[in-house]
Protein backbone atom coordinates (compact mmCIF):
# COMPACT_ATOMS: atom_id res chain seq x y z
CA GLN A 1 25.17 69.32 -102.73
CA LEU A 2 24.65 72.99 -103.34
CA GLN A 3 22.04 73.60 -106.01
CA LEU A 4 20.65 76.99 -106.93
CA VAL A 5 17.99 78.18 -109.36
CA GLU A 6 17.76 81.71 -110.74
CA SER A 7 14.57 83.41 -111.89
CA GLY A 8 13.13 86.84 -112.52
CA GLY A 9 14.90 87.90 -115.68
CA GLY A 10 13.18 89.47 -118.64
CA LEU A 11 13.04 92.36 -121.05
CA VAL A 12 12.96 95.83 -119.53
CA GLN A 13 13.38 99.35 -120.88
CA PRO A 14 16.36 101.49 -119.88
CA GLY A 15 15.71 103.01 -116.47
CA GLY A 16 13.46 100.14 -115.47
CA SER A 17 13.75 97.62 -112.65
CA LEU A 18 13.84 93.88 -112.17
CA ARG A 19 14.21 91.65 -109.15
CA LEU A 20 16.12 88.42 -109.58
CA SER A 21 15.72 85.49 -107.23
CA CYS A 22 18.20 82.77 -106.35
CA ALA A 23 16.48 79.87 -104.65
CA ALA A 24 18.12 76.94 -102.93
CA SER A 25 16.77 73.42 -102.76
CA GLY A 26 17.82 70.54 -100.58
CA PHE A 27 19.97 72.58 -98.22
CA THR A 28 19.82 75.61 -95.96
CA LEU A 29 21.04 78.80 -97.54
CA ASN A 30 21.72 80.46 -94.19
CA TYR A 31 25.29 79.21 -93.89
CA TYR A 32 26.45 80.23 -97.35
CA ALA A 33 27.63 83.39 -98.98
CA ILE A 34 25.75 83.87 -102.25
CA GLY A 35 27.12 85.74 -105.21
CA TRP A 36 25.48 87.10 -108.33
CA PHE A 37 27.45 87.05 -111.55
CA ARG A 38 26.69 87.99 -115.13
CA GLN A 39 27.99 87.19 -118.57
CA ALA A 40 27.27 89.35 -121.57
CA PRO A 41 27.69 88.03 -125.13
CA GLY A 42 31.35 87.90 -126.07
CA LYS A 43 32.50 88.87 -122.60
CA GLU A 44 33.86 87.02 -119.60
CA ARG A 45 31.70 86.31 -116.60
CA GLU A 46 31.98 89.04 -113.96
CA GLY A 47 30.99 89.33 -110.35
CA VAL A 48 28.09 91.67 -109.65
CA SER A 49 27.36 91.36 -105.95
CA CYS A 50 27.77 89.07 -102.98
CA ILE A 51 26.12 88.68 -99.60
CA SER A 52 27.79 86.80 -96.77
CA SER A 53 26.06 84.45 -94.36
CA SER A 54 26.07 87.29 -91.81
CA GLY A 55 24.51 89.75 -94.27
CA SER A 56 27.56 91.77 -95.30
CA THR A 57 27.29 92.91 -98.89
CA GLY A 58 29.59 93.93 -101.71
CA TYR A 59 29.03 95.30 -105.19
CA ALA A 60 30.89 95.82 -108.43
CA ASP A 61 31.55 99.50 -109.09
CA SER A 62 29.39 99.34 -112.20
CA VAL A 63 26.26 98.54 -110.18
CA LYS A 64 26.82 100.39 -106.91
CA GLY A 65 23.87 102.57 -106.03
CA ARG A 66 21.62 100.77 -108.53
CA PHE A 67 21.57 97.14 -107.40
CA THR A 68 20.75 95.78 -103.95
CA ILE A 69 21.37 92.24 -102.78
CA SER A 70 19.39 90.79 -99.91
CA ARG A 71 18.55 87.43 -98.41
CA ASP A 72 15.43 85.96 -96.89
CA ASN A 73 16.56 82.95 -94.93
CA ALA A 74 12.98 81.96 -94.12
CA LYS A 75 12.34 81.59 -97.85
CA ASN A 76 15.78 80.14 -98.53
CA THR A 77 16.22 82.77 -101.23
CA VAL A 78 18.63 85.56 -102.16
CA TYR A 79 17.43 88.50 -104.21
CA LEU A 80 19.06 91.02 -106.51
CA GLN A 81 17.00 94.16 -106.89
CA MET A 82 18.14 95.99 -110.01
CA ASN A 83 17.07 99.59 -110.55
CA SER A 84 17.98 102.19 -113.15
CA LEU A 85 18.89 99.46 -115.58
CA LYS A 86 21.11 100.31 -118.52
CA PRO A 87 21.58 98.56 -121.88
CA GLU A 88 25.05 97.52 -120.72
CA ASP A 89 23.44 95.49 -117.94
CA THR A 90 22.15 93.07 -120.59
CA ALA A 91 23.53 89.64 -119.73
CA VAL A 92 22.74 86.21 -118.40
CA PHE A 93 22.76 86.45 -114.62
CA TYR A 94 23.86 83.53 -112.46
CA CYS A 95 24.05 82.87 -108.75
CA ALA A 96 26.40 80.58 -106.88
CA GLY A 97 27.42 79.90 -103.29
CA ALA A 98 30.48 79.49 -101.14
CA ARG A 99 31.48 79.59 -97.48
CA SER A 100 32.57 83.18 -97.96
CA CYS A 101 32.31 85.81 -100.67
CA GLY A 102 35.98 85.28 -101.46
CA GLY A 103 35.64 81.51 -101.68
CA THR A 104 35.28 79.23 -104.67
CA MET A 105 31.69 79.45 -105.85
CA THR A 106 29.72 76.30 -106.58
CA GLY A 107 26.16 75.27 -107.29
CA TRP A 108 25.83 77.40 -110.39
CA GLY A 109 22.29 77.66 -111.69
CA GLN A 110 21.22 77.73 -115.32
CA GLY A 111 21.07 81.51 -115.38
CA THR A 112 18.34 84.00 -116.17
CA GLN A 113 18.44 86.37 -119.11
CA VAL A 114 18.20 90.11 -118.49
CA THR A 115 17.75 92.29 -121.55
CA VAL A 116 17.65 96.07 -121.25
CA SER A 117 16.44 97.62 -124.46
CA SER A 118 13.97 100.16 -125.76
C-alpha cells in the first residue's frame, strides 16, 4: 500500500527558499508518478507539480520558474525545491502517488505546513 510522508515545511520570509521532501516507506517509489499539492485556508486543494516515473515534470503556472521537483530513487524520496517564495504560497503541502501524473493519486501524507511571512 502506497504510503508517503512529507517534511521540510516551516516559516520563511518572502523571497526565501524551502525544500520539501516526500518519502516512501514499504514500497519502491521508482515506479510511481509523484505529485505535490497544496491547500491554503479556505481554498480548495490544488496541484503544484508532478514528476513521472521516467522523470518528466510538470508545474502549475503559479510556480513555474520558482519551484523544481526532482526524485532520488536511491533515497526513495521526491523533493520540491521552492525558491522566491511569496505569501500566497502559504499552505499545507501534500504529496501523493499514482501510475501516471494524470492518474488518481493515493497514499496521501499528513502534509507539511509552509508559511511565507515577514
